[in-house]
Amino acid sequence: MVAQTRGASGITVPTNHFVPTSEPASRQPAKKSSTAKKPAPKANTSKPRVKKTTAGRVAKTPAQKKATAPRKKAAAPTKAAPKTENHREPTLMDKVQGVAEQIAGVLEGNPAKKAAGTKKIRGTDGKGATRAKKAV
């Protein structure tokens, strides 16, 4: 007897689990178990791997020792770059306004406004810069 189709799942091929045969069960060939595990496929690596791995410390050959360049002496420590000279001493009012401008820049998501607040705090915003007078 043929099993019903599985219309609800969208599979329309009938499934037949029982196949009647005319031979007795003792003469039928043994079925292979469907639960037998298949060997796992090997990983597809793009680079060839070395089979032998060394453990511990590996000594250099004489050729490798000669090929190694001598170590250079460490350079003298460098000084930090000097602060910009184009700045003025910011007043307390400038610092307060700069912090307020920074906060506004953060809240608005405007990095330019935040940077302008930082410049105002540091006194590098160009306020009070002396300019050359025009020739008459």
N, C-alpha and C. Protein backbone atom coordinates (compact mmCIF):
# COMPACT_ATOMS: atom_id res chain seq x y z
N MET A 1 0.84 -1.17 0.00
CA MET A 1 0.00 0.00 0.00
C MET A 1 0.89 1.23 0.00
N VAL A 2 0.57 2.16 -0.85
CA VAL A 2 1.37 3.36 -1.01
C VAL A 2 0.94 4.38 0.04
N ALA A 3 1.92 5.04 0.62
CA ALA A 3 1.61 6.05 1.64
C ALA A 3 1.03 7.28 0.98
N GLN A 4 0.36 8.07 1.78
CA GLN A 4 -0.27 9.28 1.25
C GLN A 4 0.79 10.34 0.96
N THR A 5 0.42 11.28 0.10
CA THR A 5 1.34 12.38 -0.21
C THR A 5 1.31 13.40 0.92
N ARG A 6 2.40 14.14 1.04
CA ARG A 6 2.49 15.14 2.10
C ARG A 6 2.20 16.51 1.50
N GLY A 7 0.96 16.77 1.24
CA GLY A 7 0.56 18.03 0.61
C GLY A 7 0.79 19.24 1.49
N ALA A 8 0.69 19.06 2.81
CA ALA A 8 0.83 20.20 3.71
C ALA A 8 2.25 20.74 3.70
N SER A 9 3.23 19.85 3.54
CA SER A 9 4.62 20.30 3.57
C SER A 9 5.13 20.68 2.18
N GLY A 10 4.35 20.48 1.15
CA GLY A 10 4.77 20.83 -0.19
C GLY A 10 5.49 19.71 -0.92
N ILE A 11 5.72 18.58 -0.25
CA ILE A 11 6.38 17.45 -0.89
C ILE A 11 5.28 16.58 -1.50
N THR A 12 5.28 16.47 -2.82
CA THR A 12 4.19 15.77 -3.48
C THR A 12 4.57 14.38 -3.96
N VAL A 13 5.81 13.95 -3.71
CA VAL A 13 6.23 12.62 -4.13
C VAL A 13 5.78 11.61 -3.09
N PRO A 14 5.06 10.56 -3.47
CA PRO A 14 4.63 9.58 -2.47
C PRO A 14 5.82 8.80 -1.92
N THR A 15 5.76 8.52 -0.66
CA THR A 15 6.82 7.79 -0.01
C THR A 15 6.38 6.34 0.18
N ASN A 16 7.17 5.39 -0.29
CA ASN A 16 6.82 3.99 -0.18
C ASN A 16 7.88 3.32 0.69
N HIS A 17 7.49 3.00 1.94
CA HIS A 17 8.44 2.41 2.87
C HIS A 17 8.49 0.88 2.76
N PHE A 18 7.41 0.29 2.29
CA PHE A 18 7.34 -1.16 2.25
C PHE A 18 7.26 -1.62 0.80
N VAL A 19 8.25 -2.42 0.39
CA VAL A 19 8.24 -2.95 -0.97
C VAL A 19 8.06 -4.46 -0.87
N PRO A 20 6.90 -4.98 -1.30
CA PRO A 20 6.68 -6.43 -1.20
C PRO A 20 7.54 -7.18 -2.22
N THR A 21 8.11 -8.29 -1.80
CA THR A 21 8.90 -9.14 -2.70
C THR A 21 8.36 -10.55 -2.65
N SER A 22 8.66 -11.30 -3.68
CA SER A 22 8.19 -12.69 -3.72
C SER A 22 9.15 -13.64 -3.01
N GLU A 23 10.40 -13.19 -2.75
CA GLU A 23 11.39 -14.04 -2.10
C GLU A 23 11.22 -13.98 -0.59
N PRO A 24 11.55 -15.07 0.09
CA PRO A 24 11.50 -15.04 1.56
C PRO A 24 12.57 -14.11 2.12
N ALA A 25 12.41 -13.71 3.33
CA ALA A 25 13.30 -12.75 3.97
C ALA A 25 14.73 -13.26 4.08
N SER A 26 14.91 -14.60 4.16
CA SER A 26 16.26 -15.15 4.32
C SER A 26 17.08 -15.00 3.04
N ARG A 27 16.44 -14.95 1.86
CA ARG A 27 17.17 -14.86 0.61
C ARG A 27 17.40 -13.42 0.14
N GLN A 28 16.76 -12.48 0.78
CA GLN A 28 16.93 -11.08 0.38
C GLN A 28 18.32 -10.59 0.78
N PRO A 29 18.95 -9.78 -0.06
CA PRO A 29 20.28 -9.27 0.30
C PRO A 29 20.18 -8.32 1.50
N ALA A 30 21.23 -8.38 2.30
CA ALA A 30 21.22 -7.54 3.51
C ALA A 30 21.34 -6.08 3.10
N LYS A 31 20.54 -5.24 3.73
CA LYS A 31 20.57 -3.81 3.42
C LYS A 31 21.71 -3.15 4.20
N LYS A 32 22.29 -2.17 3.56
CA LYS A 32 23.33 -1.41 4.25
C LYS A 32 22.67 -0.44 5.22
N SER A 33 23.28 -0.31 6.34
CA SER A 33 22.72 0.58 7.36
C SER A 33 22.89 2.03 6.90
N SER A 34 21.82 2.79 6.99
CA SER A 34 21.90 4.20 6.58
C SER A 34 22.52 5.06 7.67
N THR A 35 22.75 4.48 8.84
CA THR A 35 23.34 5.25 9.94
C THR A 35 24.85 5.15 9.97
N ALA A 36 25.44 4.39 9.01
CA ALA A 36 26.91 4.27 8.99
C ALA A 36 27.51 5.65 8.72
N LYS A 37 28.54 5.97 9.48
CA LYS A 37 29.16 7.29 9.34
C LYS A 37 30.09 7.32 8.14
N LYS A 38 30.01 8.40 7.41
CA LYS A 38 30.91 8.61 6.29
C LYS A 38 32.18 9.25 6.83
N PRO A 39 33.31 9.00 6.20
CA PRO A 39 34.53 9.66 6.68
C PRO A 39 34.42 11.17 6.46
N ALA A 40 34.90 11.91 7.44
CA ALA A 40 34.81 13.36 7.35
C ALA A 40 35.73 13.87 6.25
N PRO A 41 35.25 14.84 5.44
CA PRO A 41 36.12 15.35 4.38
C PRO A 41 37.26 16.17 4.98
N LYS A 42 38.39 16.14 4.28
CA LYS A 42 39.54 16.90 4.76
C LYS A 42 39.31 18.38 4.46
N ALA A 43 39.89 19.22 5.31
CA ALA A 43 39.74 20.65 5.12
C ALA A 43 40.47 21.08 3.86
N ASN A 44 39.86 21.99 3.11
CA ASN A 44 40.47 22.49 1.89
C ASN A 44 41.35 23.67 2.24
N THR A 45 42.62 23.43 2.44
CA THR A 45 43.52 24.51 2.81
C THR A 45 44.20 25.04 1.57
N SER A 46 44.44 26.34 1.54
CA SER A 46 45.04 26.94 0.37
C SER A 46 46.55 26.83 0.38
N LYS A 47 47.14 26.65 1.54
CA LYS A 47 48.58 26.58 1.63
C LYS A 47 48.99 25.17 2.05
N PRO A 48 50.09 24.67 1.49
CA PRO A 48 50.56 23.36 1.93
C PRO A 48 51.11 23.45 3.35
N ARG A 49 50.84 22.47 4.14
CA ARG A 49 51.27 22.47 5.53
C ARG A 49 52.45 21.51 5.70
N VAL A 50 53.33 21.83 6.61
CA VAL A 50 54.48 20.98 6.89
C VAL A 50 54.01 19.85 7.79
N LYS A 51 54.38 18.64 7.43
CA LYS A 51 53.94 17.49 8.21
C LYS A 51 54.69 17.41 9.54
N LYS A 52 55.99 17.68 9.50
CA LYS A 52 56.80 17.54 10.70
C LYS A 52 56.90 18.89 11.40
N THR A 53 56.62 18.91 12.67
CA THR A 53 56.77 20.14 13.44
C THR A 53 57.87 19.94 14.46
N THR A 54 58.61 21.00 14.69
CA THR A 54 59.69 20.91 15.65
C THR A 54 59.20 21.41 17.00
N ALA A 55 59.69 20.80 18.03
CA ALA A 55 59.31 21.22 19.37
C ALA A 55 60.52 21.83 20.04
N GLY A 56 60.30 22.88 20.76
CA GLY A 56 61.39 23.49 21.50
C GLY A 56 62.19 24.46 20.65
N ARG A 57 63.39 24.70 21.05
CA ARG A 57 64.24 25.68 20.42
C ARG A 57 64.93 25.09 19.18
N VAL A 58 65.01 25.88 18.13
CA VAL A 58 65.62 25.42 16.89
C VAL A 58 66.90 26.20 16.67
N ALA A 59 68.01 25.51 16.48
CA ALA A 59 69.30 26.16 16.28
C ALA A 59 69.44 26.59 14.83
N LYS A 60 70.14 27.75 14.61
CA LYS A 60 70.38 28.22 13.26
C LYS A 60 71.58 27.50 12.67
N THR A 61 71.54 27.32 11.36
CA THR A 61 72.68 26.74 10.66
C THR A 61 73.75 27.82 10.51
N PRO A 62 75.01 27.46 10.26
CA PRO A 62 76.05 28.48 10.08
C PRO A 62 75.74 29.46 8.96
N ALA A 63 75.09 28.99 7.89
CA ALA A 63 74.73 29.89 6.79
C ALA A 63 73.71 30.93 7.25
N GLN A 64 72.77 30.50 8.09
CA GLN A 64 71.76 31.43 8.60
C GLN A 64 72.38 32.44 9.55
N LYS A 65 73.37 32.01 10.31
CA LYS A 65 74.02 32.92 11.24
C LYS A 65 74.77 34.03 10.50
N LYS A 66 75.42 33.67 9.38
CA LYS A 66 76.15 34.66 8.60
C LYS A 66 75.20 35.61 7.89
N ALA A 67 74.04 35.11 7.47
CA ALA A 67 73.10 35.92 6.72
C ALA A 67 72.40 36.95 7.59
N THR A 68 72.37 36.72 8.89
CA THR A 68 71.69 37.66 9.78
C THR A 68 72.48 38.95 9.88
N ALA A 69 71.81 40.07 9.64
CA ALA A 69 72.48 41.37 9.69
C ALA A 69 72.74 41.76 11.14
N PRO A 70 73.83 42.49 11.39
CA PRO A 70 74.09 42.93 12.76
C PRO A 70 73.03 43.93 13.21
N ARG A 71 72.75 43.92 14.48
CA ARG A 71 71.72 44.82 15.01
C ARG A 71 72.22 46.26 15.03
N LYS A 72 71.29 47.16 14.71
CA LYS A 72 71.63 48.58 14.74
C LYS A 72 71.46 49.10 16.16
N LYS A 73 72.21 50.13 16.47
CA LYS A 73 72.07 50.74 17.79
C LYS A 73 70.76 51.50 17.84
N ALA A 74 70.19 51.56 19.02
CA ALA A 74 68.93 52.26 19.19
C ALA A 74 69.15 53.75 18.99
N ALA A 75 68.20 54.39 18.34
CA ALA A 75 68.30 55.82 18.10
C ALA A 75 68.08 56.57 19.41
N ALA A 76 68.65 57.76 19.48
CA ALA A 76 68.49 58.58 20.68
C ALA A 76 67.01 58.96 20.83
N PRO A 77 66.52 59.04 22.05
CA PRO A 77 65.12 59.40 22.22
C PRO A 77 64.87 60.81 21.68
N THR A 78 63.76 60.95 20.98
CA THR A 78 63.43 62.25 20.39
C THR A 78 62.55 63.05 21.34
N LYS A 79 62.63 64.35 21.20
CA LYS A 79 61.79 65.22 22.03
C LYS A 79 60.41 65.30 21.40
N ALA A 80 59.44 65.59 22.23
CA ALA A 80 58.09 65.78 21.73
C ALA A 80 58.05 67.07 20.92
N ALA A 81 57.17 67.11 19.95
CA ALA A 81 57.05 68.30 19.11
C ALA A 81 56.60 69.47 19.99
N PRO A 82 57.18 70.64 19.77
CA PRO A 82 56.78 71.78 20.59
C PRO A 82 55.36 72.21 20.27
N LYS A 83 54.69 72.78 21.26
CA LYS A 83 53.34 73.27 21.03
C LYS A 83 53.38 74.41 20.04
N THR A 84 52.26 74.63 19.39
CA THR A 84 52.20 75.70 18.40
C THR A 84 52.44 77.06 19.07
N GLU A 85 53.11 77.94 18.37
CA GLU A 85 53.39 79.26 18.93
C GLU A 85 52.25 80.22 18.65
N ASN A 86 51.36 79.86 17.73
CA ASN A 86 50.25 80.76 17.38
C ASN A 86 49.08 80.52 18.32
N HIS A 87 49.28 80.86 19.57
CA HIS A 87 48.18 80.73 20.51
C HIS A 87 48.24 81.88 21.50
N ARG A 88 47.16 82.06 22.20
CA ARG A 88 47.08 83.09 23.23
C ARG A 88 46.66 82.43 24.53
N GLU A 89 46.73 83.12 25.60
CA GLU A 89 46.32 82.59 26.90
C GLU A 89 44.80 82.67 26.96
N PRO A 90 44.10 81.55 26.98
CA PRO A 90 42.63 81.61 27.01
C PRO A 90 42.14 82.09 28.37
N THR A 91 41.11 82.92 28.34
CA THR A 91 40.51 83.40 29.58
C THR A 91 39.58 82.33 30.13
N LEU A 92 39.12 82.54 31.35
CA LEU A 92 38.18 81.59 31.95
C LEU A 92 36.89 81.54 31.14
N MET A 93 36.48 82.70 30.62
CA MET A 93 35.26 82.76 29.81
C MET A 93 35.44 81.94 28.53
N ASP A 94 36.64 82.02 27.91
CA ASP A 94 36.90 81.23 26.70
C ASP A 94 36.82 79.73 27.00
N LYS A 95 37.35 79.32 28.15
CA LYS A 95 37.32 77.91 28.50
C LYS A 95 35.89 77.41 28.71
N VAL A 96 35.08 78.23 29.39
CA VAL A 96 33.68 77.84 29.63
C VAL A 96 32.93 77.76 28.30
N GLN A 97 33.14 78.75 27.43
CA GLN A 97 32.46 78.74 26.14
C GLN A 97 32.93 77.55 25.29
N GLY A 98 34.22 77.23 25.39
CA GLY A 98 34.75 76.10 24.63
C GLY A 98 34.15 74.79 25.07
N VAL A 99 34.02 74.60 26.38
CA VAL A 99 33.41 73.36 26.89
C VAL A 99 31.96 73.27 26.44
N ALA A 100 31.24 74.40 26.50
CA ALA A 100 29.84 74.41 26.07
C ALA A 100 29.74 74.06 24.58
N GLU A 101 30.67 74.60 23.80
CA GLU A 101 30.65 74.32 22.36
C GLU A 101 31.00 72.85 22.08
N GLN A 102 31.92 72.29 22.87
CA GLN A 102 32.25 70.88 22.72
C GLN A 102 31.04 70.00 23.00
N ILE A 103 30.34 70.30 24.08
CA ILE A 103 29.17 69.49 24.45
C ILE A 103 28.10 69.60 23.37
N ALA A 104 27.91 70.80 22.84
CA ALA A 104 26.92 70.98 21.77
C ALA A 104 27.32 70.16 20.54
N GLY A 105 28.62 70.13 20.24
CA GLY A 105 29.09 69.35 19.10
C GLY A 105 28.87 67.87 19.29
N VAL A 106 29.05 67.38 20.52
CA VAL A 106 28.83 65.96 20.81
C VAL A 106 27.35 65.62 20.68
N LEU A 107 26.49 66.48 21.24
CA LEU A 107 25.05 66.21 21.21
C LEU A 107 24.48 66.28 19.79
N GLU A 108 25.00 67.21 18.98
CA GLU A 108 24.50 67.36 17.62
C GLU A 108 25.16 66.38 16.66
N GLY A 109 26.23 65.72 17.13
CA GLY A 109 26.96 64.81 16.24
C GLY A 109 27.75 65.59 15.20
N ASN A 110 28.25 66.77 15.59
CA ASN A 110 28.97 67.64 14.67
C ASN A 110 30.43 67.72 15.13
N PRO A 111 31.34 66.97 14.51
CA PRO A 111 32.73 66.98 14.97
C PRO A 111 33.42 68.31 14.75
N ALA A 112 32.96 69.10 13.76
CA ALA A 112 33.59 70.40 13.51
C ALA A 112 33.33 71.35 14.67
N LYS A 113 32.12 71.29 15.21
CA LYS A 113 31.79 72.17 16.34
C LYS A 113 32.56 71.74 17.58
N LYS A 114 32.73 70.45 17.76
CA LYS A 114 33.49 69.94 18.89
C LYS A 114 34.95 70.37 18.78
N ALA A 115 35.51 70.32 17.57
CA ALA A 115 36.90 70.74 17.36
C ALA A 115 37.05 72.23 17.60
N ALA A 116 36.05 73.01 17.21
CA ALA A 116 36.11 74.46 17.44
C ALA A 116 36.11 74.76 18.93
N GLY A 117 35.35 73.99 19.71
CA GLY A 117 35.36 74.16 21.16
C GLY A 117 36.72 73.83 21.76
N THR A 118 37.35 72.78 21.25
CA THR A 118 38.69 72.41 21.72
C THR A 118 39.69 73.51 21.42
N LYS A 119 39.62 74.08 20.22
CA LYS A 119 40.53 75.16 19.85
C LYS A 119 40.32 76.38 20.75
N LYS A 120 39.06 76.64 21.08
CA LYS A 120 38.77 77.80 21.94
C LYS A 120 39.34 77.57 23.34
N ILE A 121 39.24 76.34 23.84
CA ILE A 121 39.78 76.02 25.17
C ILE A 121 41.29 76.18 25.19
N ARG A 122 41.96 75.76 24.14
CA ARG A 122 43.43 75.81 24.08
C ARG A 122 43.98 77.18 23.69
N GLY A 123 43.10 78.05 23.20
CA GLY A 123 43.56 79.38 22.79
C GLY A 123 44.16 79.41 21.41
N THR A 124 43.84 78.44 20.60
CA THR A 124 44.38 78.39 19.24
C THR A 124 43.31 78.67 18.20
N ASP A 125 42.24 79.38 18.60
CA ASP A 125 41.14 79.65 17.69
C ASP A 125 41.36 80.88 16.82
N GLY A 126 42.47 81.61 17.01
CA GLY A 126 42.77 82.77 16.17
C GLY A 126 42.18 84.06 16.68
N LYS A 127 41.52 84.01 17.82
CA LYS A 127 40.93 85.23 18.38
C LYS A 127 42.06 86.12 18.89
N GLY A 128 41.98 87.39 18.58
CA GLY A 128 42.97 88.36 19.07
C GLY A 128 44.28 88.30 18.32
N ALA A 129 44.28 87.73 17.13
CA ALA A 129 45.51 87.65 16.36
C ALA A 129 45.86 89.04 15.83
N THR A 130 47.13 89.38 15.88
CA THR A 130 47.55 90.68 15.35
C THR A 130 47.70 90.58 13.86
N ARG A 131 47.23 91.59 13.15
CA ARG A 131 47.29 91.58 11.70
C ARG A 131 48.09 92.79 11.23
N ALA A 132 48.71 92.62 10.10
CA ALA A 132 49.46 93.74 9.53
C ALA A 132 48.47 94.79 9.02
N LYS A 133 48.84 96.03 9.24
CA LYS A 133 47.96 97.12 8.78
C LYS A 133 48.12 97.33 7.28
N LYS A 134 47.04 97.79 6.67
CA LYS A 134 47.08 98.04 5.23
C LYS A 134 47.95 99.24 4.94
N ALA A 135 48.68 99.17 3.86
CA ALA A 135 49.50 100.31 3.46
C ALA A 135 48.58 101.38 2.85
N VAL A 136 48.86 102.66 3.22
CA VAL A 136 47.98 103.74 2.73
C VAL A 136 48.55 104.37 1.49
